[in-house]
């Protein structure tokens, strides 16, 4: 049984138990009584893998639930456009869900993403993208993905690729211009096993278990003194 607790606004049914009432105690998510293997939570929506299928609930203003609509749901709905069993999921969000609420899932073929696309973090078209879409034309299916706010990064063959918002150099470029075209390789780093995107920065773990970060470091985010 999947349970979720919230201490904030629930005007979009983020708990998934059929109401918009907040709770300071865990509540069972409606219908997910068995088979739940993974859960991911954005700021205003959540998703879970149930026996290989993907279900999402909560706010859906930019199609982040993946069911082909932009209507919120207080109970889990099935995400469409995926092939075979889903093995991993990611959900992002920020203070402005209109530009940052995105969902990604790894199915039996590739990794697909849908939801907010204000900075073209999913597609080259700068608009909400409702249906599941290939995350990027990489040389192989990404081994690791991370997204936060409007920046999306992925690891493919040990290299890091990013696109989307770049106001603090999250894309590893010399400018702050966001990238709307295909994901581009981050120079100066290789042999990466995992990437994690934050609101203003990105960090990557290398296969030798060392860590590298780039982007905004004004609050000591890099940990380098």
N, C-alpha and C. Protein backbone atom coordinates (compact mmCIF):
# COMPACT_ATOMS: atom_id res chain seq x y z
N UNK A 1 0.85 -1.19 0.00
CA UNK A 1 0.00 0.00 0.00
C UNK A 1 0.88 1.23 0.00
N UNK A 2 0.64 2.14 -0.92
CA UNK A 2 1.41 3.37 -1.00
C UNK A 2 0.72 4.45 -0.19
N UNK A 3 1.46 5.11 0.68
CA UNK A 3 0.92 6.20 1.48
C UNK A 3 1.75 7.45 1.26
N UNK A 4 1.09 8.59 1.30
CA UNK A 4 1.79 9.86 1.15
C UNK A 4 1.26 10.84 2.17
N UNK A 5 2.14 11.72 2.66
CA UNK A 5 1.78 12.73 3.63
C UNK A 5 2.14 14.10 3.09
N UNK A 6 1.32 15.10 3.36
CA UNK A 6 1.61 16.47 2.92
C UNK A 6 1.32 17.44 4.03
N UNK A 7 2.15 18.49 4.10
CA UNK A 7 1.96 19.53 5.10
C UNK A 7 1.75 20.87 4.42
N UNK A 8 1.35 20.85 3.15
CA UNK A 8 1.23 22.07 2.38
C UNK A 8 -0.09 22.04 1.62
N UNK A 9 -0.25 22.96 0.68
CA UNK A 9 -1.49 23.06 -0.08
C UNK A 9 -1.75 21.80 -0.90
N UNK A 10 -2.99 21.35 -0.92
CA UNK A 10 -3.37 20.16 -1.66
C UNK A 10 -4.54 20.46 -2.59
N UNK A 11 -4.51 21.64 -3.20
CA UNK A 11 -5.65 22.04 -4.01
C UNK A 11 -5.73 21.30 -5.33
N UNK A 12 -4.77 20.40 -5.60
CA UNK A 12 -4.82 19.62 -6.83
C UNK A 12 -4.83 18.12 -6.56
N UNK A 13 -5.07 17.72 -5.32
CA UNK A 13 -5.17 16.30 -5.00
C UNK A 13 -3.85 15.57 -4.99
N UNK A 14 -2.79 16.24 -4.53
CA UNK A 14 -1.46 15.64 -4.58
C UNK A 14 -1.31 14.37 -3.76
N UNK A 15 -2.17 14.13 -2.78
CA UNK A 15 -2.06 12.90 -1.97
C UNK A 15 -2.60 11.69 -2.70
N UNK A 16 -3.41 11.90 -3.73
CA UNK A 16 -3.90 10.78 -4.53
C UNK A 16 -4.95 9.93 -3.86
N UNK A 17 -5.60 10.47 -2.78
CA UNK A 17 -6.60 9.65 -2.10
C UNK A 17 -8.01 10.15 -2.34
N UNK A 18 -8.18 10.97 -3.40
CA UNK A 18 -9.52 11.34 -3.83
C UNK A 18 -10.05 12.64 -3.31
N UNK A 19 -9.27 13.38 -2.49
CA UNK A 19 -9.73 14.65 -1.96
C UNK A 19 -8.66 15.72 -2.17
N UNK A 20 -9.00 16.95 -1.80
CA UNK A 20 -8.02 18.03 -1.82
C UNK A 20 -7.78 18.53 -0.40
N UNK A 21 -7.95 17.64 0.57
CA UNK A 21 -7.77 17.97 1.98
C UNK A 21 -6.37 17.58 2.43
N UNK A 22 -5.66 18.50 3.04
CA UNK A 22 -4.30 18.18 3.50
C UNK A 22 -4.35 17.25 4.69
N UNK A 23 -3.25 16.53 4.91
CA UNK A 23 -3.19 15.58 6.01
C UNK A 23 -1.80 15.61 6.63
N UNK A 24 -1.74 15.59 7.96
CA UNK A 24 -0.47 15.52 8.66
C UNK A 24 -0.12 14.08 9.01
N UNK A 25 -0.93 13.15 8.55
CA UNK A 25 -0.67 11.72 8.72
C UNK A 25 -0.70 11.04 7.36
N UNK A 26 0.05 9.95 7.19
CA UNK A 26 0.06 9.25 5.91
C UNK A 26 -1.33 8.76 5.52
N UNK A 27 -1.67 8.95 4.25
CA UNK A 27 -2.93 8.47 3.70
C UNK A 27 -2.64 7.48 2.57
N UNK A 28 -3.43 6.42 2.48
CA UNK A 28 -3.26 5.46 1.40
C UNK A 28 -3.68 6.08 0.08
N UNK A 29 -2.84 5.93 -0.94
CA UNK A 29 -3.17 6.43 -2.27
C UNK A 29 -4.23 5.50 -2.89
N UNK A 30 -5.26 6.10 -3.43
CA UNK A 30 -6.41 5.34 -3.93
C UNK A 30 -6.02 4.34 -5.02
N UNK A 31 -6.43 3.10 -4.82
CA UNK A 31 -6.26 2.07 -5.84
C UNK A 31 -4.92 1.39 -5.88
N UNK A 32 -3.91 1.94 -5.23
CA UNK A 32 -2.57 1.34 -5.28
C UNK A 32 -2.36 0.48 -4.05
N UNK A 33 -3.01 -0.66 -4.02
CA UNK A 33 -2.99 -1.53 -2.84
C UNK A 33 -1.90 -2.59 -2.89
N UNK A 34 -1.28 -2.79 -4.06
CA UNK A 34 -0.20 -3.77 -4.17
C UNK A 34 0.58 -3.50 -5.45
N UNK A 35 1.76 -4.07 -5.55
CA UNK A 35 2.54 -3.99 -6.77
C UNK A 35 3.33 -2.71 -6.95
N UNK A 36 3.34 -1.82 -5.95
CA UNK A 36 4.07 -0.55 -6.07
C UNK A 36 5.56 -0.80 -5.83
N UNK A 37 6.39 -0.40 -6.80
CA UNK A 37 7.83 -0.63 -6.68
C UNK A 37 8.64 0.66 -6.57
N UNK A 38 8.13 1.75 -7.16
CA UNK A 38 8.86 3.01 -7.18
C UNK A 38 7.89 4.18 -7.15
N UNK A 39 8.27 5.25 -6.46
CA UNK A 39 7.45 6.45 -6.44
C UNK A 39 8.35 7.67 -6.65
N UNK A 40 7.84 8.68 -7.32
CA UNK A 40 8.57 9.94 -7.54
C UNK A 40 7.60 11.09 -7.33
N UNK A 41 8.09 12.15 -6.69
CA UNK A 41 7.21 13.28 -6.38
C UNK A 41 7.80 14.58 -6.89
N UNK A 42 6.97 15.34 -7.63
CA UNK A 42 7.31 16.70 -7.98
C UNK A 42 6.71 17.63 -6.94
N UNK A 43 6.65 18.92 -7.22
CA UNK A 43 6.08 19.84 -6.25
C UNK A 43 4.56 19.69 -6.14
N UNK A 44 3.90 19.42 -7.26
CA UNK A 44 2.44 19.38 -7.27
C UNK A 44 1.87 18.10 -7.86
N UNK A 45 2.71 17.13 -8.21
CA UNK A 45 2.21 15.87 -8.74
C UNK A 45 3.15 14.73 -8.33
N UNK A 46 2.63 13.52 -8.37
CA UNK A 46 3.41 12.34 -8.02
C UNK A 46 3.12 11.23 -9.02
N UNK A 47 4.04 10.28 -9.12
CA UNK A 47 3.86 9.13 -10.00
C UNK A 47 4.39 7.88 -9.30
N UNK A 48 3.84 6.72 -9.67
CA UNK A 48 4.29 5.46 -9.10
C UNK A 48 4.27 4.38 -10.17
N UNK A 49 5.23 3.47 -10.07
CA UNK A 49 5.25 2.29 -10.93
C UNK A 49 4.51 1.17 -10.19
N UNK A 50 3.49 0.63 -10.85
CA UNK A 50 2.68 -0.43 -10.26
C UNK A 50 2.68 -1.62 -11.21
N UNK A 51 3.40 -2.67 -10.83
CA UNK A 51 3.50 -3.88 -11.66
C UNK A 51 3.89 -3.54 -13.10
N UNK A 52 4.83 -2.61 -13.25
CA UNK A 52 5.34 -2.25 -14.56
C UNK A 52 4.57 -1.16 -15.28
N UNK A 53 3.40 -0.77 -14.76
CA UNK A 53 2.61 0.30 -15.36
C UNK A 53 2.84 1.60 -14.59
N UNK A 54 2.61 2.74 -15.25
CA UNK A 54 2.85 4.03 -14.61
C UNK A 54 1.55 4.75 -14.33
N UNK A 55 1.39 5.21 -13.08
CA UNK A 55 0.22 5.97 -12.66
C UNK A 55 0.68 7.28 -12.03
N UNK A 56 -0.04 8.36 -12.34
CA UNK A 56 0.31 9.68 -11.80
C UNK A 56 -0.95 10.37 -11.29
N UNK A 57 -0.77 11.35 -10.39
CA UNK A 57 -1.91 12.08 -9.83
C UNK A 57 -1.46 13.46 -9.36
N UNK A 58 -2.43 14.36 -9.16
CA UNK A 58 -2.15 15.71 -8.71
C UNK A 58 -2.38 16.73 -9.81
N UNK A 59 -1.61 17.79 -9.78
CA UNK A 59 -1.77 18.87 -10.77
C UNK A 59 -1.37 18.38 -12.16
N UNK A 60 -2.03 18.94 -13.17
CA UNK A 60 -1.80 18.46 -14.54
C UNK A 60 -1.92 19.61 -15.54
N UNK A 61 -1.55 20.81 -15.11
CA UNK A 61 -1.76 22.00 -15.94
C UNK A 61 -0.95 22.01 -17.22
N UNK A 62 0.17 21.27 -17.25
CA UNK A 62 0.97 21.18 -18.47
C UNK A 62 1.12 19.73 -18.92
N UNK A 63 0.18 18.89 -18.53
CA UNK A 63 0.19 17.50 -18.98
C UNK A 63 1.19 16.62 -18.27
N UNK A 64 1.63 17.00 -17.06
CA UNK A 64 2.65 16.24 -16.36
C UNK A 64 2.18 14.86 -15.90
N UNK A 65 0.87 14.61 -15.89
CA UNK A 65 0.38 13.28 -15.52
C UNK A 65 0.50 12.28 -16.66
N UNK A 66 0.68 12.77 -17.88
CA UNK A 66 0.94 11.88 -19.01
C UNK A 66 -0.25 11.12 -19.54
N UNK A 67 -1.48 11.58 -19.24
CA UNK A 67 -2.67 10.86 -19.72
C UNK A 67 -3.35 11.57 -20.88
N UNK A 68 -2.65 12.52 -21.51
CA UNK A 68 -3.19 13.17 -22.70
C UNK A 68 -4.14 14.31 -22.41
N UNK A 69 -4.26 14.74 -21.15
CA UNK A 69 -5.14 15.84 -20.79
C UNK A 69 -4.35 16.86 -19.96
N UNK A 70 -5.01 17.95 -19.62
CA UNK A 70 -4.42 18.92 -18.70
C UNK A 70 -5.35 19.13 -17.51
N UNK A 71 -6.10 18.09 -17.16
CA UNK A 71 -7.02 18.13 -16.03
C UNK A 71 -6.38 17.46 -14.82
N UNK A 72 -6.42 18.13 -13.68
CA UNK A 72 -5.87 17.55 -12.45
C UNK A 72 -6.65 16.31 -12.06
N UNK A 73 -6.00 15.44 -11.29
CA UNK A 73 -6.67 14.23 -10.82
C UNK A 73 -6.31 13.98 -9.36
N UNK A 74 -7.32 13.77 -8.54
CA UNK A 74 -7.10 13.50 -7.12
C UNK A 74 -6.84 12.02 -6.85
N UNK A 75 -6.92 11.20 -7.89
CA UNK A 75 -6.61 9.77 -7.79
C UNK A 75 -5.69 9.40 -8.95
N UNK A 76 -4.94 8.31 -8.84
CA UNK A 76 -4.00 7.92 -9.88
C UNK A 76 -4.68 7.67 -11.23
N UNK A 77 -4.03 8.18 -12.31
CA UNK A 77 -4.47 7.92 -13.68
C UNK A 77 -3.32 7.27 -14.43
N UNK A 78 -3.65 6.48 -15.43
CA UNK A 78 -2.64 5.76 -16.19
C UNK A 78 -1.95 6.66 -17.20
N UNK A 79 -0.61 6.67 -17.19
CA UNK A 79 0.15 7.43 -18.19
C UNK A 79 0.19 6.63 -19.49
N UNK A 80 0.04 7.33 -20.60
CA UNK A 80 -0.02 6.66 -21.90
C UNK A 80 1.23 6.96 -22.72
N UNK A 81 1.36 6.29 -23.86
CA UNK A 81 2.47 6.54 -24.77
C UNK A 81 3.74 5.80 -24.43
N UNK A 82 3.68 4.89 -23.46
CA UNK A 82 4.86 4.12 -23.06
C UNK A 82 4.81 2.73 -23.66
N UNK A 83 5.99 2.12 -23.83
CA UNK A 83 6.09 0.80 -24.45
C UNK A 83 6.61 -0.22 -23.43
N UNK A 84 5.84 -1.28 -23.20
CA UNK A 84 6.29 -2.31 -22.27
C UNK A 84 6.29 -1.84 -20.83
N UNK A 85 7.05 -2.54 -20.00
CA UNK A 85 7.09 -2.25 -18.58
C UNK A 85 7.96 -1.03 -18.27
N UNK A 86 7.52 -0.22 -17.33
CA UNK A 86 8.28 0.94 -16.86
C UNK A 86 9.15 0.50 -15.69
N UNK A 87 10.44 0.89 -15.73
CA UNK A 87 11.36 0.46 -14.68
C UNK A 87 11.86 1.61 -13.80
N UNK A 88 11.87 2.84 -14.33
CA UNK A 88 12.32 3.99 -13.55
C UNK A 88 11.44 5.21 -13.87
N UNK A 89 11.30 6.10 -12.89
CA UNK A 89 10.54 7.33 -13.11
C UNK A 89 11.23 8.50 -12.42
N UNK A 90 11.01 9.69 -12.96
CA UNK A 90 11.53 10.92 -12.38
C UNK A 90 10.43 11.97 -12.47
N UNK A 91 10.27 12.79 -11.45
CA UNK A 91 9.28 13.87 -11.46
C UNK A 91 9.94 15.13 -10.93
N UNK A 92 9.72 16.25 -11.61
CA UNK A 92 10.33 17.50 -11.17
C UNK A 92 9.27 18.56 -10.95
N UNK A 93 9.66 19.62 -10.26
CA UNK A 93 8.75 20.73 -10.03
C UNK A 93 9.51 21.87 -9.40
N UNK A 94 8.90 23.03 -9.37
CA UNK A 94 9.52 24.20 -8.77
C UNK A 94 8.40 25.12 -8.32
N UNK A 95 8.75 26.32 -7.90
CA UNK A 95 7.74 27.24 -7.40
C UNK A 95 6.74 27.64 -8.48
N UNK A 96 7.13 27.53 -9.73
CA UNK A 96 6.24 27.84 -10.84
C UNK A 96 5.97 26.58 -11.66
N UNK A 97 4.89 25.85 -11.38
CA UNK A 97 4.62 24.59 -12.06
C UNK A 97 4.32 24.76 -13.54
N UNK A 98 4.05 25.98 -13.99
CA UNK A 98 3.75 26.20 -15.40
C UNK A 98 4.97 26.02 -16.27
N UNK A 99 6.18 26.15 -15.70
CA UNK A 99 7.38 26.05 -16.51
C UNK A 99 8.31 24.94 -16.06
N UNK A 100 7.95 24.19 -15.02
CA UNK A 100 8.94 23.25 -14.49
C UNK A 100 8.38 21.88 -14.09
N UNK A 101 7.09 21.64 -14.25
CA UNK A 101 6.53 20.34 -13.85
C UNK A 101 6.67 19.35 -15.00
N UNK A 102 7.61 18.45 -14.85
CA UNK A 102 7.94 17.49 -15.91
C UNK A 102 8.03 16.09 -15.33
N UNK A 103 7.71 15.09 -16.14
CA UNK A 103 7.83 13.69 -15.74
C UNK A 103 8.62 12.94 -16.80
N UNK A 104 9.49 12.04 -16.37
CA UNK A 104 10.22 11.16 -17.28
C UNK A 104 10.09 9.72 -16.80
N UNK A 105 10.09 8.79 -17.73
CA UNK A 105 9.98 7.37 -17.38
C UNK A 105 10.82 6.54 -18.34
N UNK A 106 11.43 5.51 -17.81
CA UNK A 106 12.18 4.56 -18.64
C UNK A 106 11.27 3.36 -18.92
N UNK A 107 10.91 3.17 -20.19
CA UNK A 107 10.11 1.99 -20.54
C UNK A 107 11.03 0.94 -21.17
N UNK A 108 10.48 -0.04 -21.86
CA UNK A 108 11.29 -1.13 -22.39
C UNK A 108 12.10 -0.72 -23.61
N UNK A 109 11.86 0.48 -24.13
CA UNK A 109 12.55 0.93 -25.34
C UNK A 109 13.55 2.05 -25.05
N UNK A 110 13.12 3.08 -24.33
CA UNK A 110 13.96 4.25 -24.13
C UNK A 110 13.45 5.04 -22.92
N UNK A 111 13.95 6.25 -22.75
CA UNK A 111 13.45 7.16 -21.73
C UNK A 111 12.59 8.22 -22.42
N UNK A 112 11.40 8.46 -21.89
CA UNK A 112 10.47 9.42 -22.48
C UNK A 112 10.09 10.45 -21.43
N UNK A 113 9.82 11.69 -21.86
CA UNK A 113 9.47 12.77 -20.95
C UNK A 113 8.26 13.52 -21.46
N UNK A 114 7.52 14.14 -20.53
CA UNK A 114 6.37 14.92 -20.91
C UNK A 114 6.09 15.96 -19.83
N UNK A 115 5.29 16.96 -20.16
CA UNK A 115 4.95 18.00 -19.19
C UNK A 115 5.45 19.36 -19.63
N UNK A 116 5.92 20.17 -18.66
CA UNK A 116 6.34 21.54 -18.95
C UNK A 116 7.52 21.57 -19.92
N UNK A 117 7.46 22.53 -20.83
CA UNK A 117 8.50 22.63 -21.86
C UNK A 117 8.78 24.10 -22.18
N UNK A 118 8.64 24.96 -21.17
CA UNK A 118 8.76 26.40 -21.38
C UNK A 118 10.13 26.80 -21.91
N UNK A 119 11.17 26.10 -21.47
CA UNK A 119 12.52 26.38 -21.94
C UNK A 119 13.03 25.27 -22.87
N UNK A 120 12.08 24.59 -23.52
CA UNK A 120 12.40 23.53 -24.49
C UNK A 120 13.26 22.43 -23.86
N UNK A 121 13.05 22.16 -22.57
CA UNK A 121 13.83 21.12 -21.91
C UNK A 121 13.46 19.72 -22.38
N UNK A 122 12.29 19.58 -23.02
CA UNK A 122 11.90 18.28 -23.57
C UNK A 122 11.99 18.29 -25.08
N UNK A 123 11.31 19.24 -25.69
CA UNK A 123 11.22 19.32 -27.15
C UNK A 123 11.76 20.67 -27.61
N UNK A 124 12.08 20.78 -28.89
CA UNK A 124 12.56 22.04 -29.43
C UNK A 124 11.48 23.09 -29.54
N UNK A 125 10.22 22.71 -29.31
CA UNK A 125 9.10 23.65 -29.37
C UNK A 125 8.84 24.18 -27.97
N UNK A 126 8.91 25.47 -27.79
CA UNK A 126 8.77 26.06 -26.45
C UNK A 126 7.30 26.20 -26.07
N UNK A 127 6.71 25.11 -25.65
CA UNK A 127 5.31 25.11 -25.22
C UNK A 127 5.07 23.85 -24.41
N UNK A 128 3.98 23.81 -23.61
CA UNK A 128 3.68 22.58 -22.87
C UNK A 128 3.57 21.39 -23.82
N UNK A 129 4.19 20.31 -23.46
CA UNK A 129 4.19 19.11 -24.29
C UNK A 129 3.47 18.00 -23.52
N UNK A 130 2.30 17.63 -23.96
CA UNK A 130 1.46 16.73 -23.19
C UNK A 130 1.86 15.27 -23.35
N UNK A 131 2.09 14.82 -24.58
CA UNK A 131 2.33 13.40 -24.82
C UNK A 131 3.77 12.99 -24.55
N UNK A 132 3.98 11.71 -24.29
CA UNK A 132 5.33 11.19 -24.05
C UNK A 132 6.20 11.43 -25.27
N UNK A 133 7.43 11.85 -25.02
CA UNK A 133 8.34 12.23 -26.08
C UNK A 133 9.73 11.69 -25.77
N UNK A 134 10.47 11.28 -26.79
CA UNK A 134 11.84 10.85 -26.56
C UNK A 134 12.61 11.98 -25.90
N UNK A 135 13.38 11.63 -24.87
CA UNK A 135 14.07 12.66 -24.12
C UNK A 135 15.12 13.37 -24.95
N UNK A 136 15.83 12.66 -25.81
CA UNK A 136 16.87 13.30 -26.63
C UNK A 136 17.44 12.28 -27.61
N UNK A 137 17.94 12.75 -28.75
CA UNK A 137 18.58 11.84 -29.72
C UNK A 137 20.02 11.57 -29.31
N UNK A 138 20.21 10.77 -28.28
CA UNK A 138 21.55 10.44 -27.82
C UNK A 138 22.04 9.19 -28.53
N UNK A 139 23.34 8.90 -28.34
CA UNK A 139 23.93 7.75 -29.02
C UNK A 139 23.44 6.43 -28.43
N UNK A 140 22.92 6.47 -27.23
CA UNK A 140 22.34 5.27 -26.62
C UNK A 140 21.29 5.71 -25.62
N UNK A 141 20.47 4.79 -25.16
CA UNK A 141 19.47 5.12 -24.16
C UNK A 141 20.17 5.59 -22.88
N UNK A 142 19.76 6.72 -22.31
CA UNK A 142 20.43 7.26 -21.12
C UNK A 142 20.48 6.27 -19.97
N UNK A 143 21.63 6.20 -19.30
CA UNK A 143 21.76 5.33 -18.13
C UNK A 143 21.34 6.05 -16.86
N UNK A 144 21.32 7.38 -16.90
CA UNK A 144 20.92 8.18 -15.75
C UNK A 144 20.28 9.46 -16.25
N UNK A 145 19.22 9.90 -15.56
CA UNK A 145 18.53 11.14 -15.93
C UNK A 145 18.26 11.93 -14.66
N UNK A 146 18.26 13.25 -14.78
CA UNK A 146 17.86 14.09 -13.66
C UNK A 146 17.31 15.39 -14.22
N UNK A 147 16.32 15.94 -13.53
CA UNK A 147 15.75 17.21 -13.95
C UNK A 147 15.29 17.96 -12.73
N UNK A 148 15.40 19.28 -12.81
CA UNK A 148 14.92 20.13 -11.73
C UNK A 148 14.62 21.48 -12.33
N UNK A 149 13.53 22.08 -11.89
CA UNK A 149 13.09 23.34 -12.50
C UNK A 149 12.95 23.11 -14.00
N UNK A 150 13.72 23.81 -14.81
CA UNK A 150 13.57 23.68 -16.26
C UNK A 150 14.85 23.20 -16.93
N UNK A 151 15.68 22.47 -16.19
CA UNK A 151 16.91 21.91 -16.75
C UNK A 151 16.82 20.39 -16.72
N UNK A 152 17.18 19.76 -17.84
CA UNK A 152 17.14 18.31 -17.97
C UNK A 152 18.52 17.82 -18.37
N UNK A 153 19.05 16.83 -17.65
CA UNK A 153 20.36 16.26 -17.95
C UNK A 153 20.27 14.74 -18.03
N UNK A 154 21.17 14.15 -18.80
CA UNK A 154 21.18 12.70 -18.96
C UNK A 154 22.61 12.23 -19.14
N UNK A 155 22.86 10.96 -18.78
CA UNK A 155 24.16 10.33 -18.99
C UNK A 155 24.01 9.28 -20.09
N UNK A 156 24.89 9.35 -21.08
CA UNK A 156 24.89 8.37 -22.16
C UNK A 156 26.34 8.02 -22.49
N UNK A 157 26.68 6.74 -22.41
CA UNK A 157 28.04 6.27 -22.68
C UNK A 157 29.08 7.02 -21.85
N UNK A 158 28.73 7.36 -20.60
CA UNK A 158 29.66 8.01 -19.70
C UNK A 158 29.76 9.51 -19.86
N UNK A 159 29.08 10.08 -20.85
CA UNK A 159 29.09 11.52 -21.05
C UNK A 159 27.79 12.14 -20.55
N UNK A 160 27.84 13.42 -20.17
CA UNK A 160 26.67 14.14 -19.67
C UNK A 160 26.14 15.07 -20.76
N UNK A 161 24.83 15.03 -20.96
CA UNK A 161 24.15 15.89 -21.92
C UNK A 161 23.07 16.67 -21.19
N UNK A 162 22.93 17.96 -21.49
CA UNK A 162 21.91 18.78 -20.84
C UNK A 162 21.23 19.71 -21.83
N UNK A 163 20.04 20.17 -21.47
CA UNK A 163 19.35 21.20 -22.24
C UNK A 163 18.34 21.89 -21.34
N UNK A 164 17.79 23.00 -21.84
CA UNK A 164 16.80 23.73 -21.08
C UNK A 164 17.37 25.00 -20.47
N UNK A 165 16.92 25.34 -19.26
CA UNK A 165 17.31 26.58 -18.60
C UNK A 165 18.80 26.59 -18.27
N UNK A 166 19.41 27.78 -18.43
CA UNK A 166 20.86 27.89 -18.25
C UNK A 166 21.23 29.22 -17.60
N UNK A 167 20.36 29.72 -16.73
CA UNK A 167 20.58 31.05 -16.17
C UNK A 167 21.81 31.14 -15.29
N UNK A 168 22.31 30.03 -14.77
CA UNK A 168 23.51 30.03 -13.96
C UNK A 168 24.58 29.07 -14.49
N UNK A 169 24.53 28.79 -15.78
CA UNK A 169 25.53 27.92 -16.38
C UNK A 169 25.31 26.45 -16.14
N UNK A 170 24.06 26.04 -15.86
CA UNK A 170 23.76 24.63 -15.61
C UNK A 170 24.09 23.74 -16.81
N UNK A 171 24.12 24.32 -18.00
CA UNK A 171 24.38 23.54 -19.21
C UNK A 171 25.87 23.46 -19.52
N UNK A 172 26.69 24.04 -18.64
CA UNK A 172 28.13 23.92 -18.83
C UNK A 172 28.68 24.74 -19.97
N UNK A 173 27.99 25.83 -20.34
CA UNK A 173 28.44 26.69 -21.43
C UNK A 173 28.93 28.02 -20.88
N UNK A 174 29.59 28.78 -21.73
CA UNK A 174 30.14 30.06 -21.30
C UNK A 174 29.09 31.16 -21.26
N UNK A 175 27.89 30.90 -21.75
CA UNK A 175 26.83 31.90 -21.75
C UNK A 175 25.68 31.41 -20.87
N UNK A 176 24.69 32.29 -20.67
CA UNK A 176 23.52 31.92 -19.88
C UNK A 176 22.31 31.64 -20.77
N UNK A 177 22.53 31.54 -22.07
CA UNK A 177 21.43 31.28 -23.00
C UNK A 177 20.92 29.85 -22.83
N UNK A 178 19.60 29.70 -22.79
CA UNK A 178 19.07 28.34 -22.66
C UNK A 178 19.16 27.61 -23.98
N UNK A 179 19.12 26.28 -23.92
CA UNK A 179 19.30 25.45 -25.11
C UNK A 179 17.97 24.82 -25.48
N UNK A 180 17.48 25.14 -26.68
CA UNK A 180 16.20 24.60 -27.14
C UNK A 180 16.38 23.49 -28.16
N UNK A 181 17.59 23.32 -28.67
CA UNK A 181 17.83 22.27 -29.64
C UNK A 181 18.11 20.96 -28.91
N UNK A 182 18.68 19.99 -29.61
CA UNK A 182 18.97 18.69 -29.00
C UNK A 182 19.94 18.84 -27.84
N UNK A 183 19.88 17.91 -26.90
CA UNK A 183 20.78 17.93 -25.75
C UNK A 183 22.23 17.92 -26.24
N UNK A 184 23.06 18.74 -25.60
CA UNK A 184 24.46 18.86 -26.00
C UNK A 184 25.37 18.34 -24.90
N UNK A 185 26.49 17.79 -25.32
CA UNK A 185 27.45 17.19 -24.40
C UNK A 185 28.13 18.27 -23.56
N UNK A 186 28.29 17.98 -22.26
CA UNK A 186 29.02 18.85 -21.35
C UNK A 186 30.51 18.56 -21.51
N UNK A 187 31.27 19.57 -21.88
CA UNK A 187 32.71 19.38 -22.07
C UNK A 187 33.44 19.30 -20.73
N UNK A 188 34.58 18.63 -20.74
CA UNK A 188 35.44 18.60 -19.57
C UNK A 188 35.13 17.53 -18.55
N UNK A 189 34.19 16.65 -18.85
CA UNK A 189 33.88 15.58 -17.91
C UNK A 189 33.47 14.33 -18.69
N UNK A 190 33.94 13.18 -18.22
CA UNK A 190 33.62 11.90 -18.86
C UNK A 190 33.60 10.82 -17.79
N UNK A 191 33.34 9.59 -18.22
CA UNK A 191 33.27 8.45 -17.29
C UNK A 191 32.31 8.71 -16.16
N UNK A 192 31.14 9.24 -16.49
CA UNK A 192 30.12 9.58 -15.50
C UNK A 192 29.14 8.43 -15.34
N UNK A 193 28.75 8.13 -14.11
CA UNK A 193 27.78 7.07 -13.85
C UNK A 193 26.41 7.61 -13.48
N UNK A 194 26.37 8.83 -12.90
CA UNK A 194 25.08 9.38 -12.48
C UNK A 194 25.15 10.89 -12.49
N UNK A 195 24.04 11.53 -12.88
CA UNK A 195 23.95 12.98 -12.88
C UNK A 195 22.74 13.41 -12.05
N UNK A 196 22.89 14.52 -11.33
CA UNK A 196 21.80 15.06 -10.51
C UNK A 196 21.71 16.56 -10.77
N UNK A 197 20.55 17.01 -11.22
CA UNK A 197 20.33 18.43 -11.50
C UNK A 197 19.62 19.09 -10.33
N UNK A 198 20.13 20.23 -9.89
CA UNK A 198 19.47 21.05 -8.89
C UNK A 198 18.84 22.25 -9.55
N UNK A 199 18.28 23.16 -8.76
CA UNK A 199 17.63 24.33 -9.33
C UNK A 199 18.61 25.24 -10.05
N UNK A 200 19.82 25.40 -9.51
CA UNK A 200 20.79 26.32 -10.08
C UNK A 200 22.11 25.66 -10.48
N UNK A 201 22.24 24.36 -10.30
CA UNK A 201 23.51 23.69 -10.55
C UNK A 201 23.27 22.22 -10.91
N UNK A 202 24.34 21.58 -11.40
CA UNK A 202 24.30 20.17 -11.77
C UNK A 202 25.55 19.50 -11.18
N UNK A 203 25.39 18.28 -10.67
CA UNK A 203 26.52 17.50 -10.17
C UNK A 203 26.53 16.13 -10.84
N UNK A 204 27.74 15.59 -11.00
CA UNK A 204 27.88 14.29 -11.64
C UNK A 204 28.85 13.42 -10.84
N UNK A 205 28.49 12.15 -10.66
CA UNK A 205 29.36 11.17 -10.03
C UNK A 205 30.07 10.39 -11.12
N UNK A 206 31.40 10.32 -11.02
CA UNK A 206 32.18 9.59 -12.01
C UNK A 206 32.40 8.15 -11.57
N UNK A 207 32.82 7.32 -12.49
CA UNK A 207 33.00 5.90 -12.19
C UNK A 207 34.12 5.67 -11.17
N UNK A 208 35.03 6.64 -11.01
CA UNK A 208 36.08 6.51 -9.99
C UNK A 208 35.61 7.03 -8.64
N UNK A 209 34.28 7.29 -8.52
CA UNK A 209 33.63 7.74 -7.29
C UNK A 209 34.04 9.15 -6.87
N UNK A 210 34.48 9.97 -7.82
CA UNK A 210 34.71 11.38 -7.57
C UNK A 210 33.49 12.16 -8.03
N UNK A 211 33.39 13.41 -7.56
CA UNK A 211 32.21 14.23 -7.83
C UNK A 211 32.62 15.55 -8.47
N UNK A 212 31.87 15.97 -9.48
CA UNK A 212 32.11 17.25 -10.13
C UNK A 212 30.79 18.01 -10.23
N UNK A 213 30.83 19.33 -10.04
CA UNK A 213 29.62 20.15 -10.11
C UNK A 213 29.87 21.41 -10.93
N UNK A 214 28.80 21.96 -11.51
CA UNK A 214 28.91 23.21 -12.26
C UNK A 214 27.58 23.95 -12.17
N UNK A 215 27.64 25.26 -12.46
CA UNK A 215 26.46 26.10 -12.34
C UNK A 215 26.66 27.15 -11.25
N UNK A 216 25.63 27.44 -10.48
CA UNK A 216 25.70 28.48 -9.46
C UNK A 216 26.41 27.97 -8.20
N UNK A 217 27.41 28.72 -7.74
CA UNK A 217 28.14 28.32 -6.55
C UNK A 217 28.18 29.39 -5.49
N UNK A 218 27.30 30.38 -5.59
CA UNK A 218 27.32 31.53 -4.69
C UNK A 218 26.99 31.23 -3.24
N UNK A 219 26.36 30.10 -2.97
CA UNK A 219 26.02 29.73 -1.58
C UNK A 219 26.87 28.57 -1.08
N UNK A 220 28.04 28.38 -1.71
CA UNK A 220 28.89 27.27 -1.32
C UNK A 220 28.40 25.94 -1.87
N UNK A 221 27.61 25.98 -2.94
CA UNK A 221 27.02 24.75 -3.48
C UNK A 221 28.03 23.73 -3.96
N UNK A 222 29.23 24.21 -4.33
CA UNK A 222 30.21 23.28 -4.88
C UNK A 222 30.99 22.54 -3.79
N UNK A 223 30.96 23.04 -2.56
CA UNK A 223 31.67 22.38 -1.47
C UNK A 223 33.18 22.43 -1.61
N UNK A 224 33.68 23.46 -2.32
CA UNK A 224 35.12 23.53 -2.56
C UNK A 224 35.80 24.64 -1.77
N UNK A 225 35.09 25.13 -0.74
CA UNK A 225 35.69 26.14 0.11
C UNK A 225 35.51 27.55 -0.39
